[in-house]
Amino acid sequence: MDTLTSTTERLIKIDEVLHICGLSRSSLYATIQRGEFPTQVKLSKKSSAWLHSEVIA
């Protein structure tokens, strides 16, 4: 296995997170509030994403 591949992390936007989890947007944010789902990473003032590995876990 290539070491670069194993250390590369993907950032995914909310639409992909919702698709992977099968949750609605409001359910996702409620789950985050309860501490049962990883929080998003702020990319800019109006943009955020999640680490793919955390969403899968």
PDB file of N, CA and C in Angstrom:
ATOM      1  N   MET A   1       0.843  -1.180   0.000  1.00  0.00           N
ATOM      2  CA  MET A   1       0.000   0.000   0.000  1.00  0.00           C
ATOM      3  C   MET A   1       0.885   1.240   0.000  1.00  0.00           C
ATOM      4  N   ASP A   2       0.525   2.208  -0.773  1.00  0.00           N
ATOM      5  CA  ASP A   2       1.272   3.447  -0.880  1.00  0.00           C
ATOM      6  C   ASP A   2       1.119   4.264   0.406  1.00  0.00           C
ATOM      7  N   THR A   3       2.226   4.732   0.976  1.00  0.00           N
ATOM      8  CA  THR A   3       2.150   5.486   2.233  1.00  0.00           C
ATOM      9  C   THR A   3       1.444   6.820   2.045  1.00  0.00           C
ATOM     10  N   LEU A   4       1.548   7.421   0.883  1.00  0.00           N
ATOM     11  CA  LEU A   4       0.865   8.680   0.623  1.00  0.00           C
ATOM     12  C   LEU A   4      -0.650   8.487   0.683  1.00  0.00           C
ATOM     13  N   THR A   5      -1.134   7.412   0.123  1.00  0.00           N
ATOM     14  CA  THR A   5      -2.554   7.112   0.128  1.00  0.00           C
ATOM     15  C   THR A   5      -3.068   6.894   1.543  1.00  0.00           C
ATOM     16  N   SER A   6      -2.305   6.211   2.365  1.00  0.00           N
ATOM     17  CA  SER A   6      -2.757   5.895   3.712  1.00  0.00           C
ATOM     18  C   SER A   6      -2.750   7.106   4.645  1.00  0.00           C
ATOM     19  N   THR A   7      -2.025   8.167   4.305  1.00  0.00           N
ATOM     20  CA  THR A   7      -1.974   9.348   5.157  1.00  0.00           C
ATOM     21  C   THR A   7      -2.791  10.511   4.608  1.00  0.00           C
ATOM     22  N   THR A   8      -3.346  10.376   3.440  1.00  0.00           N
ATOM     23  CA  THR A   8      -4.131  11.441   2.840  1.00  0.00           C
ATOM     24  C   THR A   8      -5.540  11.434   3.413  1.00  0.00           C
ATOM     25  N   GLU A   9      -5.999  12.583   3.849  1.00  0.00           N
ATOM     26  CA  GLU A   9      -7.337  12.718   4.420  1.00  0.00           C
ATOM     27  C   GLU A   9      -8.203  13.546   3.485  1.00  0.00           C
ATOM     28  N   ARG A  10      -9.426  13.095   3.312  1.00  0.00           N
ATOM     29  CA  ARG A  10     -10.374  13.785   2.442  1.00  0.00           C
ATOM     30  C   ARG A  10     -11.334  14.608   3.282  1.00  0.00           C
ATOM     31  N   LEU A  11     -11.641  15.798   2.827  1.00  0.00           N
ATOM     32  CA  LEU A  11     -12.681  16.621   3.434  1.00  0.00           C
ATOM     33  C   LEU A  11     -13.937  16.470   2.597  1.00  0.00           C
ATOM     34  N   ILE A  12     -15.062  16.270   3.256  1.00  0.00           N
ATOM     35  CA  ILE A  12     -16.314  16.110   2.514  1.00  0.00           C
ATOM     36  C   ILE A  12     -17.326  17.151   2.994  1.00  0.00           C
ATOM     37  N   LYS A  13     -18.122  17.603   2.056  1.00  0.00           N
ATOM     38  CA  LYS A  13     -19.127  18.621   2.334  1.00  0.00           C
ATOM     39  C   LYS A  13     -20.402  17.966   2.854  1.00  0.00           C
ATOM     40  N   ILE A  14     -21.318  18.793   3.314  1.00  0.00           N
ATOM     41  CA  ILE A  14     -22.509  18.313   4.004  1.00  0.00           C
ATOM     42  C   ILE A  14     -23.368  17.370   3.161  1.00  0.00           C
ATOM     43  N   ASP A  15     -23.511  17.623   1.883  1.00  0.00           N
ATOM     44  CA  ASP A  15     -24.337  16.741   1.058  1.00  0.00           C
ATOM     45  C   ASP A  15     -23.819  15.303   1.068  1.00  0.00           C
ATOM     46  N   GLU A  16     -22.504  15.149   1.003  1.00  0.00           N
ATOM     47  CA  GLU A  16     -21.926  13.801   1.043  1.00  0.00           C
ATOM     48  C   GLU A  16     -22.065  13.191   2.432  1.00  0.00           C
ATOM     49  N   VAL A  17     -21.902  14.010   3.478  1.00  0.00           N
ATOM     50  CA  VAL A  17     -22.077  13.523   4.852  1.00  0.00           C
ATOM     51  C   VAL A  17     -23.492  12.992   5.032  1.00  0.00           C
ATOM     52  N   LEU A  18     -24.483  13.762   4.581  1.00  0.00           N
ATOM     53  CA  LEU A  18     -25.882  13.355   4.709  1.00  0.00           C
ATOM     54  C   LEU A  18     -26.146  12.072   3.928  1.00  0.00           C
ATOM     55  N   HIS A  19     -25.556  11.947   2.767  1.00  0.00           N
ATOM     56  CA  HIS A  19     -25.723  10.738   1.949  1.00  0.00           C
ATOM     57  C   HIS A  19     -25.133   9.517   2.654  1.00  0.00           C
ATOM     58  N   ILE A  20     -23.946   9.676   3.222  1.00  0.00           N
ATOM     59  CA  ILE A  20     -23.281   8.566   3.903  1.00  0.00           C
ATOM     60  C   ILE A  20     -24.067   8.142   5.140  1.00  0.00           C
ATOM     61  N   CYS A  21     -24.533   9.110   5.908  1.00  0.00           N
ATOM     62  CA  CYS A  21     -25.178   8.820   7.201  1.00  0.00           C
ATOM     63  C   CYS A  21     -26.656   8.509   7.088  1.00  0.00           C
ATOM     64  N   GLY A  22     -27.298   9.009   6.051  1.00  0.00           N
ATOM     65  CA  GLY A  22     -28.729   8.812   5.908  1.00  0.00           C
ATOM     66  C   GLY A  22     -29.552   9.673   6.853  1.00  0.00           C
ATOM     67  N   LEU A  23     -28.965  10.737   7.366  1.00  0.00           N
ATOM     68  CA  LEU A  23     -29.665  11.650   8.269  1.00  0.00           C
ATOM     69  C   LEU A  23     -30.151  12.876   7.522  1.00  0.00           C
ATOM     70  N   SER A  24     -31.145  13.551   8.082  1.00  0.00           N
ATOM     71  CA  SER A  24     -31.543  14.852   7.561  1.00  0.00           C
ATOM     72  C   SER A  24     -30.551  15.884   8.103  1.00  0.00           C
ATOM     73  N   ARG A  25     -30.548  17.053   7.529  1.00  0.00           N
ATOM     74  CA  ARG A  25     -29.646  18.118   7.966  1.00  0.00           C
ATOM     75  C   ARG A  25     -29.880  18.444   9.452  1.00  0.00           C
ATOM     76  N   SER A  26     -31.142  18.602   9.843  1.00  0.00           N
ATOM     77  CA  SER A  26     -31.439  18.959  11.232  1.00  0.00           C
ATOM     78  C   SER A  26     -31.057  17.832  12.190  1.00  0.00           C
ATOM     79  N   SER A  27     -31.264  16.585  11.783  1.00  0.00           N
ATOM     80  CA  SER A  27     -30.869  15.451  12.631  1.00  0.00           C
ATOM     81  C   SER A  27     -29.353  15.385  12.778  1.00  0.00           C
ATOM     82  N   LEU A  28     -28.637  15.680  11.714  1.00  0.00           N
ATOM     83  CA  LEU A  28     -27.180  15.682  11.770  1.00  0.00           C
ATOM     84  C   LEU A  28     -26.696  16.693  12.794  1.00  0.00           C
ATOM     85  N   TYR A  29     -27.198  17.924  12.721  1.00  0.00           N
ATOM     86  CA  TYR A  29     -26.744  18.963  13.648  1.00  0.00           C
ATOM     87  C   TYR A  29     -27.177  18.667  15.076  1.00  0.00           C
ATOM     88  N   ALA A  30     -28.332  18.050  15.275  1.00  0.00           N
ATOM     89  CA  ALA A  30     -28.765  17.653  16.618  1.00  0.00           C
ATOM     90  C   ALA A  30     -27.829  16.586  17.177  1.00  0.00           C
ATOM     91  N   THR A  31     -27.412  15.657  16.336  1.00  0.00           N
ATOM     92  CA  THR A  31     -26.495  14.602  16.744  1.00  0.00           C
ATOM     93  C   THR A  31     -25.134  15.187  17.114  1.00  0.00           C
ATOM     94  N   ILE A  32     -24.689  16.191  16.371  1.00  0.00           N
ATOM     95  CA  ILE A  32     -23.437  16.887  16.692  1.00  0.00           C
ATOM     96  C   ILE A  32     -23.571  17.583  18.042  1.00  0.00           C
ATOM     97  N   GLN A  33     -24.697  18.254  18.280  1.00  0.00           N
ATOM     98  CA  GLN A  33     -24.934  18.953  19.553  1.00  0.00           C
ATOM     99  C   GLN A  33     -24.860  17.998  20.739  1.00  0.00           C
ATOM    100  N   ARG A  34     -25.341  16.786  20.577  1.00  0.00           N
ATOM    101  CA  ARG A  34     -25.313  15.777  21.643  1.00  0.00           C
ATOM    102  C   ARG A  34     -23.933  15.139  21.805  1.00  0.00           C
ATOM    103  N   GLY A  35     -23.011  15.470  20.923  1.00  0.00           N
ATOM    104  CA  GLY A  35     -21.666  14.911  20.995  1.00  0.00           C
ATOM    105  C   GLY A  35     -21.569  13.502  20.447  1.00  0.00           C
ATOM    106  N   GLU A  36     -22.542  13.110  19.631  1.00  0.00           N
ATOM    107  CA  GLU A  36     -22.582  11.757  19.086  1.00  0.00           C
ATOM    108  C   GLU A  36     -22.096  11.674  17.643  1.00  0.00           C
ATOM    109  N   PHE A  37     -21.635  12.784  17.103  1.00  0.00           N
ATOM    110  CA  PHE A  37     -21.142  12.825  15.728  1.00  0.00           C
ATOM    111  C   PHE A  37     -20.006  13.833  15.688  1.00  0.00           C
ATOM    112  N   PRO A  38     -18.971  13.589  14.879  1.00  0.00           N
ATOM    113  CA  PRO A  38     -17.845  14.528  14.820  1.00  0.00           C
ATOM    114  C   PRO A  38     -18.277  15.912  14.334  1.00  0.00           C
ATOM    115  N   THR A  39     -17.621  16.919  14.867  1.00  0.00           N
ATOM    116  CA  THR A  39     -17.909  18.285  14.441  1.00  0.00           C
ATOM    117  C   THR A  39     -17.196  18.590  13.129  1.00  0.00           C
ATOM    118  N   GLN A  40     -17.701  19.574  12.449  1.00  0.00           N
ATOM    119  CA  GLN A  40     -17.126  19.971  11.175  1.00  0.00           C
ATOM    120  C   GLN A  40     -15.886  20.841  11.370  1.00  0.00           C
ATOM    121  N   VAL A  41     -15.085  20.917  10.318  1.00  0.00           N
ATOM    122  CA  VAL A  41     -13.893  21.748  10.277  1.00  0.00           C
ATOM    123  C   VAL A  41     -14.263  23.006   9.507  1.00  0.00           C
ATOM    124  N   LYS A  42     -14.005  24.162  10.081  1.00  0.00           N
ATOM    125  CA  LYS A  42     -14.321  25.428   9.423  1.00  0.00           C
ATOM    126  C   LYS A  42     -13.270  25.712   8.349  1.00  0.00           C
ATOM    127  N   LEU A  43     -13.729  25.894   7.113  1.00  0.00           N
ATOM    128  CA  LEU A  43     -12.813  26.169   6.005  1.00  0.00           C
ATOM    129  C   LEU A  43     -12.705  27.663   5.731  1.00  0.00           C
ATOM    130  N   SER A  44     -13.807  28.356   5.884  1.00  0.00           N
ATOM    131  CA  SER A  44     -13.847  29.803   5.723  1.00  0.00           C
ATOM    132  C   SER A  44     -15.046  30.310   6.512  1.00  0.00           C
ATOM    133  N   LYS A  45     -15.348  31.583   6.380  1.00  0.00           N
ATOM    134  CA  LYS A  45     -16.454  32.165   7.133  1.00  0.00           C
ATOM    135  C   LYS A  45     -17.787  31.468   6.853  1.00  0.00           C
ATOM    136  N   LYS A  46     -18.000  31.052   5.615  1.00  0.00           N
ATOM    137  CA  LYS A  46     -19.270  30.449   5.221  1.00  0.00           C
ATOM    138  C   LYS A  46     -19.159  29.005   4.751  1.00  0.00           C
ATOM    139  N   SER A  47     -18.042  28.361   5.003  1.00  0.00           N
ATOM    140  CA  SER A  47     -17.844  27.012   4.488  1.00  0.00           C
ATOM    141  C   SER A  47     -17.222  26.102   5.549  1.00  0.00           C
ATOM    142  N   SER A  48     -17.727  24.882   5.592  1.00  0.00           N
ATOM    143  CA  SER A  48     -17.156  23.888   6.494  1.00  0.00           C
ATOM    144  C   SER A  48     -17.262  22.511   5.851  1.00  0.00           C
ATOM    145  N   ALA A  49     -16.515  21.577   6.400  1.00  0.00           N
ATOM    146  CA  ALA A  49     -16.495  20.207   5.877  1.00  0.00           C
ATOM    147  C   ALA A  49     -16.153  19.272   7.025  1.00  0.00           C
ATOM    148  N   TRP A  50     -16.295  17.989   6.772  1.00  0.00           N
ATOM    149  CA  TRP A  50     -15.994  16.957   7.754  1.00  0.00           C
ATOM    150  C   TRP A  50     -14.856  16.113   7.233  1.00  0.00           C
ATOM    151  N   LEU A  51     -14.088  15.534   8.155  1.00  0.00           N
ATOM    152  CA  LEU A  51     -13.054  14.577   7.770  1.00  0.00           C
ATOM    153  C   LEU A  51     -13.747  13.265   7.413  1.00  0.00           C
ATOM    154  N   HIS A  52     -13.478  12.755   6.242  1.00  0.00           N
ATOM    155  CA  HIS A  52     -14.108  11.540   5.751  1.00  0.00           C
ATOM    156  C   HIS A  52     -13.911  10.380   6.716  1.00  0.00           C
ATOM    157  N   SER A  53     -12.714  10.222   7.230  1.00  0.00           N
ATOM    158  CA  SER A  53     -12.428   9.104   8.134  1.00  0.00           C
ATOM    159  C   SER A  53     -13.265   9.174   9.410  1.00  0.00           C
ATOM    160  N   GLU A  54     -13.523  10.373   9.926  1.00  0.00           N
ATOM    161  CA  GLU A  54     -14.334  10.531  11.135  1.00  0.00           C
ATOM    162  C   GLU A  54     -15.799  10.202  10.860  1.00  0.00           C
ATOM    163  N   VAL A  55     -16.283  10.600   9.697  1.00  0.00           N
ATOM    164  CA  VAL A  55     -17.686  10.316   9.339  1.00  0.00           C
ATOM    165  C   VAL A  55     -17.887   8.811   9.183  1.00  0.00           C
ATOM    166  N   ILE A  56     -16.948   8.138   8.540  1.00  0.00           N
ATOM    167  CA  ILE A  56     -17.035   6.702   8.331  1.00  0.00           C
ATOM    168  C   ILE A  56     -16.961   5.944   9.656  1.00  0.00           C
ATOM    169  N   ALA A  57     -16.113   6.434  10.562  1.00  0.00           N
ATOM    170  CA  ALA A  57     -15.950   5.769  11.867  1.00  0.00           C
ATOM    171  C   ALA A  57     -17.224   5.904  12.671  1.00  0.00           C
TER     172      ALA A  57
END
